Amino acid sequence: GNRPLLVGLSALVVLAVVGVTAGYTALAKDVSLTLDGKTREVSARGATVADVLRDQHINIGSHDRVVPGLDEKVEDGSRISVKFGRPLTVDVDGTEQTYWVTATAVSSALSEIPRDFTKAALSVSRSATIGRDGLALEVTTPKTLTLELAGRKPVHRTLTARTVGDALEQMGATPDADDRVSPAAGTLLTDGTTITWTRMRVATKHVTG
């Protein structure tokens, strides 16, 4: 007489499983998820933006930007945008600083930094891509220099040069090993630097005894 009871139990188990599945599906929502500008449609579980991102195994760090906010409610058709923070290390004329940016292109990232590099020369193209691991960038700003070149009158020039040697090269100056260059060719330039190139003539005297 145990058979009817067993059949009843198994029917109950099946009902319980169906019930859970129905509940689970109800929780899943079709969401448009944009990561660094690339959009995909996902079916995700959760009541809030944070739940959906957790469901999709997306970790959010303190430098990442999420719209709408993590606590916002999610419904079918919700759009979530995540921009991941990335470190941009900027070496400006020899002085280095790291900024966290969310842009994926150098030009946009520079607009997130509170400095103006419009006239500066960059070590990479302004359209270059910044990956999730970041980018190191050399920036050379224009500087107004005084140049006293090989006995000529001093001239004032604005050059986008990093070192004394770079400035001399841009001016077409070609000191040789005997000449005196002040400051030394490897010196980093600052605005207002005076560069002096003195031609040294080496005279060879033959002394007869």
Protein backbone atom coordinates (compact mmCIF):
# COMPACT_ATOMS: atom_id res chain seq x y z
CA GLY A 1 0.00 0.00 0.00
CA ASN A 2 2.99 2.41 -0.28
CA ARG A 3 2.75 2.94 -4.06
CA PRO A 4 0.09 5.78 -4.11
CA LEU A 5 2.06 7.71 -1.50
CA LEU A 6 5.28 7.49 -3.59
CA VAL A 7 3.46 8.69 -6.73
CA GLY A 8 2.01 11.59 -4.72
CA LEU A 9 5.46 12.55 -3.39
CA SER A 10 7.10 12.53 -6.81
CA ALA A 11 4.29 14.73 -8.19
CA LEU A 12 4.90 17.15 -5.33
CA VAL A 13 8.65 17.26 -6.11
CA VAL A 14 7.96 17.97 -9.79
CA LEU A 15 5.58 20.80 -8.83
CA ALA A 16 8.18 22.33 -6.50
CA VAL A 17 10.85 22.28 -9.26
CA VAL A 18 8.48 23.90 -11.79
CA GLY A 19 7.57 26.55 -9.22
CA VAL A 20 11.22 27.48 -8.57
CA THR A 21 12.00 27.59 -12.30
CA ALA A 22 9.04 29.92 -12.93
CA GLY A 23 10.20 32.20 -10.12
CA TYR A 24 13.76 32.19 -11.43
CA THR A 25 12.67 33.12 -14.96
CA ALA A 26 10.54 35.94 -13.59
CA LEU A 27 13.63 37.40 -11.94
CA ALA A 28 15.63 37.37 -15.20
CA LYS A 29 15.38 40.59 -17.18
CA ASP A 30 16.47 41.49 -20.71
CA VAL A 31 18.98 44.29 -20.25
CA SER A 32 21.11 46.30 -22.67
CA LEU A 33 24.65 46.34 -21.25
CA THR A 34 27.29 48.70 -22.65
CA LEU A 35 30.91 48.12 -21.59
CA ASP A 36 33.39 50.78 -22.77
CA GLY A 37 31.09 51.68 -25.66
CA LYS A 38 30.39 48.09 -26.81
CA THR A 39 26.74 47.06 -26.32
CA ARG A 40 25.32 43.58 -25.85
CA GLU A 41 21.88 42.30 -24.87
CA VAL A 42 21.90 40.06 -21.79
CA SER A 43 19.33 38.15 -19.79
CA ALA A 44 20.31 38.82 -16.19
CA ARG A 45 18.87 38.19 -12.76
CA GLY A 46 18.59 40.79 -10.04
CA ALA A 47 16.58 43.76 -8.83
CA THR A 48 19.30 46.43 -9.08
CA VAL A 49 22.14 47.46 -11.42
CA ALA A 50 24.64 45.99 -8.93
CA ASP A 51 22.78 42.63 -9.00
CA VAL A 52 22.86 42.49 -12.82
CA LEU A 53 26.58 43.31 -12.97
CA ARG A 54 27.30 40.67 -10.31
CA ASP A 55 25.21 38.16 -12.31
CA GLN A 56 27.35 38.95 -15.39
CA HIS A 57 30.61 38.59 -13.35
CA ILE A 58 31.53 42.24 -13.90
CA ASN A 59 33.57 43.66 -11.03
CA ILE A 60 33.27 47.40 -10.48
CA GLY A 61 36.22 49.31 -9.04
CA SER A 62 36.39 52.77 -7.48
CA HIS A 63 37.59 54.36 -10.77
CA ASP A 64 34.81 52.83 -12.91
CA ARG A 65 31.70 54.80 -13.87
CA VAL A 66 28.28 53.11 -13.92
CA VAL A 67 25.08 54.72 -15.25
CA PRO A 68 22.49 54.46 -13.78
CA GLY A 69 23.89 54.10 -10.24
CA LEU A 70 24.50 50.66 -8.68
CA ASP A 71 21.47 50.98 -6.36
CA GLU A 72 19.02 51.82 -9.19
CA LYS A 73 16.20 49.34 -9.93
CA VAL A 74 16.41 47.29 -13.12
CA GLU A 75 13.46 46.38 -15.34
CA ASP A 76 13.03 44.63 -18.69
CA GLY A 77 14.65 46.86 -21.33
CA SER A 78 16.86 48.74 -18.85
CA ARG A 79 20.13 50.14 -20.24
CA ILE A 80 23.29 49.94 -18.15
CA SER A 81 26.52 51.65 -19.18
CA VAL A 82 29.89 50.86 -17.62
CA LYS A 83 33.05 52.84 -18.38
CA PHE A 84 36.12 51.25 -16.83
CA GLY A 85 38.75 53.50 -15.27
CA ARG A 86 42.29 53.20 -16.64
CA PRO A 87 45.53 54.85 -15.51
CA LEU A 88 47.00 57.44 -17.88
CA THR A 89 50.57 58.27 -16.86
CA VAL A 90 51.53 61.62 -18.34
CA ASP A 91 55.17 62.73 -18.43
CA VAL A 92 55.05 66.47 -19.11
CA ASP A 93 58.51 67.80 -19.95
CA GLY A 94 60.09 65.28 -17.57
CA THR A 95 57.57 65.53 -14.70
CA GLU A 96 55.31 62.48 -14.35
CA GLN A 97 51.77 62.27 -13.00
CA THR A 98 49.10 59.54 -13.20
CA TYR A 99 45.43 60.32 -13.81
CA TRP A 100 42.49 57.90 -13.86
CA VAL A 101 40.38 58.31 -17.00
CA THR A 102 37.42 56.44 -18.48
CA ALA A 103 37.98 57.42 -22.13
CA THR A 104 39.33 54.79 -24.52
CA ALA A 105 41.04 57.29 -26.88
CA VAL A 106 43.96 59.59 -25.98
CA SER A 107 42.23 62.76 -27.28
CA SER A 108 39.13 62.18 -25.09
CA ALA A 109 41.24 61.12 -22.10
CA LEU A 110 43.24 64.37 -22.26
CA SER A 111 39.98 66.34 -22.05
CA GLU A 112 39.33 64.59 -18.69
CA ILE A 113 42.61 65.99 -17.31
CA PRO A 114 42.61 69.52 -15.86
CA ARG A 115 45.42 70.69 -18.18
CA ASP A 116 45.55 72.05 -21.72
CA PHE A 117 47.69 70.05 -24.13
CA THR A 118 46.25 71.41 -27.40
CA LYS A 119 49.59 72.83 -28.60
CA ALA A 120 51.76 70.11 -27.09
CA ALA A 121 53.50 67.29 -28.96
CA LEU A 122 52.56 63.76 -27.83
CA SER A 123 54.61 60.56 -27.99
CA VAL A 124 51.56 58.71 -29.41
CA SER A 125 48.78 59.67 -31.81
CA ARG A 126 45.83 61.53 -30.30
CA SER A 127 43.56 58.84 -31.80
CA ALA A 128 45.52 56.02 -30.09
CA THR A 129 43.50 53.58 -27.97
CA ILE A 130 43.96 53.27 -24.21
CA GLY A 131 43.51 49.66 -23.04
CA ARG A 132 42.14 48.58 -19.66
CA ASP A 133 45.72 48.41 -18.29
CA GLY A 134 46.33 52.09 -19.16
CA LEU A 135 48.94 54.01 -21.12
CA ALA A 136 52.13 55.99 -20.53
CA LEU A 137 52.37 59.18 -22.54
CA GLU A 138 55.15 61.74 -23.07
CA VAL A 139 53.95 65.31 -23.54
CA THR A 140 56.27 68.04 -24.79
CA THR A 141 54.90 71.56 -24.37
CA PRO A 142 55.93 74.61 -26.44
CA LYS A 143 58.54 76.78 -24.72
CA THR A 144 59.81 80.27 -25.49
CA LEU A 145 63.61 80.06 -25.61
CA THR A 146 66.47 82.49 -26.14
CA LEU A 147 69.06 81.06 -28.52
CA GLU A 148 72.57 82.41 -28.87
CA LEU A 149 73.95 80.35 -31.71
CA ALA A 150 77.55 80.41 -32.86
CA GLY A 151 78.22 84.11 -32.35
CA ARG A 152 74.96 85.33 -33.91
CA LYS A 153 72.59 87.79 -32.23
CA PRO A 154 70.28 86.18 -29.62
CA VAL A 155 66.90 85.16 -31.07
CA HIS A 156 63.65 84.26 -29.31
CA ARG A 157 61.83 81.19 -30.59
CA THR A 158 58.88 79.14 -29.35
CA LEU A 159 59.79 75.51 -29.89
CA THR A 160 58.02 72.28 -28.91
CA ALA A 161 61.24 70.67 -27.75
CA ARG A 162 62.02 68.49 -24.74
CA THR A 163 65.79 68.94 -24.36
CA VAL A 164 68.48 71.45 -25.31
CA GLY A 165 69.68 68.99 -27.98
CA ASP A 166 66.15 68.77 -29.48
CA ALA A 167 65.94 72.58 -29.67
CA LEU A 168 69.34 72.85 -31.41
CA GLU A 169 68.29 70.15 -33.88
CA GLN A 170 65.05 72.01 -34.68
CA MET A 171 67.08 75.18 -35.30
CA GLY A 172 69.42 73.29 -37.65
CA ALA A 173 72.37 73.90 -35.29
CA THR A 174 75.05 71.22 -35.48
CA PRO A 175 77.61 71.59 -32.65
CA ASP A 176 80.63 69.31 -32.92
CA ALA A 177 82.47 67.60 -30.08
CA ASP A 178 84.80 70.59 -29.49
CA ASP A 179 82.02 73.18 -29.25
CA ARG A 180 80.51 74.36 -25.98
CA VAL A 181 76.75 74.06 -25.46
CA SER A 182 75.17 75.54 -22.36
CA PRO A 183 73.12 74.05 -20.72
CA ALA A 184 74.27 70.55 -21.76
CA ALA A 185 72.44 68.92 -24.69
CA GLY A 186 70.55 66.44 -22.48
CA THR A 187 69.12 69.16 -20.17
CA LEU A 188 65.31 69.26 -20.00
CA LEU A 189 63.96 72.59 -21.18
CA THR A 190 61.71 74.95 -19.24
CA ASP A 191 60.01 78.08 -20.52
CA GLY A 192 62.51 80.94 -20.74
CA THR A 193 65.69 78.82 -21.00
CA THR A 194 68.64 80.50 -22.73
CA ILE A 195 70.72 78.16 -24.91
CA THR A 196 74.23 79.18 -25.88
CA TRP A 197 76.26 77.42 -28.56
CA THR A 198 79.86 78.58 -28.70
CA ARG A 199 81.98 77.38 -31.60
CA MET A 200 85.45 76.43 -30.43
CA ARG A 201 88.20 76.56 -33.03
CA VAL A 202 91.04 74.24 -32.26
CA ALA A 203 94.30 75.72 -33.50
CA THR A 204 97.27 73.42 -33.85
CA LYS A 205 100.61 75.15 -33.46
CA HIS A 206 103.79 73.58 -34.67
CA VAL A 207 106.54 74.63 -32.32
CA THR A 208 110.00 74.41 -33.79
CA GLY A 209 112.84 74.15 -31.32
